[in-house]
Amino acid sequence: MMRYDVSPVLAMAAPPAGGGSAWLQLIPFVLVLAIFYFIILLPMKRKQQKVQAFLGALKVGDRVVTTGGIHGQITRLGEQTVQLQIADKVRIEIARAAIGGYQGQEPVVEPSTNTSA
């Protein structure tokens, strides 16, 4: 007569009832959320606060670079826009959010790398 090994079948059975508390099962989920917050959300929030502080501190006469690479000097500040003088008697109106940083310094706002054709 043939003998069958039933241990793999028993290993696939459901775990015994009362195998762990519900709180213990939530620990991996909470850990994933905590890691997501500290690695992704918190640095993004800090970066956004830094950019907002930079844009709020702009003043007339600052020499800036836009995210598109245009260098100029601020001649007028509006609520949502900034007027830049980019050459003698040449002024352009751009969005305040398009200011990337001060000339000669590291950019505060990273330029968008939109490579769609």
C-alpha atoms as a PDB file:
ATOM      1  CA  MET A   1       0.000   0.000   0.000  1.00  0.00           C
ATOM      2  CA  MET A   2       1.222   3.573  -0.823  1.00  0.00           C
ATOM      3  CA  ARG A   3       1.792   6.117   1.855  1.00  0.00           C
ATOM      4  CA  TYR A   4       1.024   9.766   1.222  1.00  0.00           C
ATOM      5  CA  ASP A   5       2.730  12.622   2.985  1.00  0.00           C
ATOM      6  CA  VAL A   6      -0.029  14.978   4.170  1.00  0.00           C
ATOM      7  CA  SER A   7       2.218  17.524   5.907  1.00  0.00           C
ATOM      8  CA  PRO A   8       2.145  19.992   2.926  1.00  0.00           C
ATOM      9  CA  VAL A   9      -1.638  19.911   2.970  1.00  0.00           C
ATOM     10  CA  LEU A  10      -1.704  20.593   6.684  1.00  0.00           C
ATOM     11  CA  ALA A  11       0.762  23.430   6.246  1.00  0.00           C
ATOM     12  CA  MET A  12      -1.674  25.194   3.884  1.00  0.00           C
ATOM     13  CA  ALA A  13      -4.490  25.069   6.422  1.00  0.00           C
ATOM     14  CA  ALA A  14      -5.819  28.259   7.969  1.00  0.00           C
ATOM     15  CA  PRO A  15      -3.973  29.509  11.042  1.00  0.00           C
ATOM     16  CA  PRO A  16      -5.510  28.588  14.365  1.00  0.00           C
ATOM     17  CA  ALA A  17      -8.203  30.898  15.711  1.00  0.00           C
ATOM     18  CA  GLY A  18      -7.026  33.669  18.007  1.00  0.00           C
ATOM     19  CA  GLY A  19      -3.600  33.765  16.326  1.00  0.00           C
ATOM     20  CA  GLY A  20      -2.909  37.396  17.209  1.00  0.00           C
ATOM     21  CA  SER A  21      -4.580  40.574  18.316  1.00  0.00           C
ATOM     22  CA  ALA A  22      -5.892  43.144  15.861  1.00  0.00           C
ATOM     23  CA  TRP A  23      -3.410  45.698  17.224  1.00  0.00           C
ATOM     24  CA  LEU A  24      -0.514  43.435  16.376  1.00  0.00           C
ATOM     25  CA  GLN A  25      -1.747  43.152  12.807  1.00  0.00           C
ATOM     26  CA  LEU A  26      -1.900  46.949  12.457  1.00  0.00           C
ATOM     27  CA  ILE A  27       1.779  47.444  13.341  1.00  0.00           C
ATOM     28  CA  PRO A  28       3.142  46.797   9.783  1.00  0.00           C
ATOM     29  CA  PHE A  29       0.569  49.165   8.301  1.00  0.00           C
ATOM     30  CA  VAL A  30       1.462  51.908  10.794  1.00  0.00           C
ATOM     31  CA  LEU A  31       5.172  51.390  10.113  1.00  0.00           C
ATOM     32  CA  VAL A  32       4.655  51.777   6.363  1.00  0.00           C
ATOM     33  CA  LEU A  33       2.696  54.994   6.917  1.00  0.00           C
ATOM     34  CA  ALA A  34       5.386  56.353   9.239  1.00  0.00           C
ATOM     35  CA  ILE A  35       8.149  55.583   6.749  1.00  0.00           C
ATOM     36  CA  PHE A  36       6.121  57.184   3.937  1.00  0.00           C
ATOM     37  CA  TYR A  37       5.595  60.317   6.036  1.00  0.00           C
ATOM     38  CA  PHE A  38       9.210  60.755   7.159  1.00  0.00           C
ATOM     39  CA  ILE A  39      10.841  59.885   3.828  1.00  0.00           C
ATOM     40  CA  ILE A  40       8.456  61.507   1.360  1.00  0.00           C
ATOM     41  CA  LEU A  41       5.922  63.911   2.860  1.00  0.00           C
ATOM     42  CA  LEU A  42       8.017  65.712   5.477  1.00  0.00           C
ATOM     43  CA  PRO A  43      10.887  66.672   3.099  1.00  0.00           C
ATOM     44  CA  MET A  44       8.358  67.847   0.490  1.00  0.00           C
ATOM     45  CA  LYS A  45       6.600  69.990   3.099  1.00  0.00           C
ATOM     46  CA  ARG A  46       9.905  71.539   4.227  1.00  0.00           C
ATOM     47  CA  LYS A  47      10.903  72.267   0.619  1.00  0.00           C
ATOM     48  CA  GLN A  48       7.530  73.895  -0.056  1.00  0.00           C
ATOM     49  CA  GLN A  49       7.879  76.099   3.041  1.00  0.00           C
ATOM     50  CA  LYS A  50      11.370  77.135   1.908  1.00  0.00           C
ATOM     51  CA  VAL A  51      10.066  78.094  -1.549  1.00  0.00           C
ATOM     52  CA  GLN A  52       7.145  80.060  -0.058  1.00  0.00           C
ATOM     53  CA  ALA A  53       9.524  81.947   2.248  1.00  0.00           C
ATOM     54  CA  PHE A  54      11.805  82.727  -0.714  1.00  0.00           C
ATOM     55  CA  LEU A  55       8.939  84.008  -2.873  1.00  0.00           C
ATOM     56  CA  GLY A  56       7.575  86.083   0.003  1.00  0.00           C
ATOM     57  CA  ALA A  57      10.969  87.723   0.611  1.00  0.00           C
ATOM     58  CA  LEU A  58      11.438  88.970  -2.964  1.00  0.00           C
ATOM     59  CA  LYS A  59      11.896  92.715  -3.279  1.00  0.00           C
ATOM     60  CA  VAL A  60      12.411  95.283  -6.001  1.00  0.00           C
ATOM     61  CA  GLY A  61      16.017  95.318  -7.196  1.00  0.00           C
ATOM     62  CA  ASP A  62      16.730  91.622  -6.607  1.00  0.00           C
ATOM     63  CA  ARG A  63      18.545  89.910  -9.457  1.00  0.00           C
ATOM     64  CA  VAL A  64      16.823  86.606 -10.108  1.00  0.00           C
ATOM     65  CA  VAL A  65      16.680  83.683 -12.513  1.00  0.00           C
ATOM     66  CA  THR A  66      13.389  82.176 -13.662  1.00  0.00           C
ATOM     67  CA  THR A  67      12.740  78.460 -13.894  1.00  0.00           C
ATOM     68  CA  GLY A  68      12.954  78.900 -17.666  1.00  0.00           C
ATOM     69  CA  GLY A  69      16.471  80.337 -17.401  1.00  0.00           C
ATOM     70  CA  ILE A  70      15.743  84.049 -17.930  1.00  0.00           C
ATOM     71  CA  HIS A  71      17.991  86.372 -15.904  1.00  0.00           C
ATOM     72  CA  GLY A  72      16.665  89.729 -14.854  1.00  0.00           C
ATOM     73  CA  GLN A  73      16.163  92.327 -12.163  1.00  0.00           C
ATOM     74  CA  ILE A  74      12.842  92.778 -10.384  1.00  0.00           C
ATOM     75  CA  THR A  75      11.304  96.170 -11.137  1.00  0.00           C
ATOM     76  CA  ARG A  76       7.774  95.644  -9.790  1.00  0.00           C
ATOM     77  CA  LEU A  77       6.109  93.119  -7.511  1.00  0.00           C
ATOM     78  CA  GLY A  78       2.457  92.197  -7.767  1.00  0.00           C
ATOM     79  CA  GLU A  79       0.298  89.780  -5.818  1.00  0.00           C
ATOM     80  CA  GLN A  80       0.749  86.931  -8.320  1.00  0.00           C
ATOM     81  CA  THR A  81       3.151  88.421 -10.861  1.00  0.00           C
ATOM     82  CA  VAL A  82       6.605  89.983 -11.033  1.00  0.00           C
ATOM     83  CA  GLN A  83       7.961  92.411 -13.600  1.00  0.00           C
ATOM     84  CA  LEU A  84      11.539  91.690 -14.655  1.00  0.00           C
ATOM     85  CA  GLN A  85      13.876  93.937 -16.563  1.00  0.00           C
ATOM     86  CA  ILE A  86      15.883  91.605 -18.780  1.00  0.00           C
ATOM     87  CA  ALA A  87      17.630  94.269 -20.905  1.00  0.00           C
ATOM     88  CA  ASP A  88      17.597  98.054 -21.327  1.00  0.00           C
ATOM     89  CA  LYS A  89      13.977  99.129 -21.802  1.00  0.00           C
ATOM     90  CA  VAL A  90      12.848  95.468 -21.990  1.00  0.00           C
ATOM     91  CA  ARG A  91      10.523  94.334 -19.237  1.00  0.00           C
ATOM     92  CA  ILE A  92       8.472  91.183 -18.988  1.00  0.00           C
ATOM     93  CA  GLU A  93       5.672  90.159 -16.662  1.00  0.00           C
ATOM     94  CA  ILE A  94       5.967  86.644 -15.254  1.00  0.00           C
ATOM     95  CA  ALA A  95       4.250  84.599 -12.568  1.00  0.00           C
ATOM     96  CA  ARG A  96       5.802  84.895  -9.132  1.00  0.00           C
ATOM     97  CA  ALA A  97       6.014  81.093  -8.965  1.00  0.00           C
ATOM     98  CA  ALA A  98       8.277  81.123 -12.047  1.00  0.00           C
ATOM     99  CA  ILE A  99      11.137  82.686 -10.073  1.00  0.00           C
ATOM    100  CA  GLY A 100      13.674  79.925  -9.486  1.00  0.00           C
ATOM    101  CA  GLY A 101      16.300  81.664  -7.363  1.00  0.00           C
ATOM    102  CA  TYR A 102      18.777  84.477  -7.074  1.00  0.00           C
ATOM    103  CA  GLN A 103      21.429  84.953  -9.743  1.00  0.00           C
ATOM    104  CA  GLY A 104      24.698  83.266  -8.840  1.00  0.00           C
ATOM    105  CA  GLN A 105      23.166  81.021  -6.170  1.00  0.00           C
ATOM    106  CA  GLU A 106      21.691  77.537  -6.095  1.00  0.00           C
ATOM    107  CA  PRO A 107      18.098  77.504  -7.366  1.00  0.00           C
ATOM    108  CA  VAL A 108      15.401  77.399  -4.701  1.00  0.00           C
ATOM    109  CA  VAL A 109      12.809  76.025  -7.109  1.00  0.00           C
ATOM    110  CA  GLU A 110      13.861  73.058  -9.208  1.00  0.00           C
ATOM    111  CA  PRO A 111      13.198  73.674 -12.921  1.00  0.00           C
ATOM    112  CA  SER A 112      10.619  71.351 -14.388  1.00  0.00           C
ATOM    113  CA  THR A 113      12.085  68.641 -16.596  1.00  0.00           C
ATOM    114  CA  ASN A 114       9.153  68.179 -18.929  1.00  0.00           C
ATOM    115  CA  THR A 115      10.498  66.128 -21.834  1.00  0.00           C
ATOM    116  CA  SER A 116       7.258  65.391 -23.663  1.00  0.00           C
ATOM    117  CA  ALA A 117       7.486  65.850 -27.409  1.00  0.00           C
END
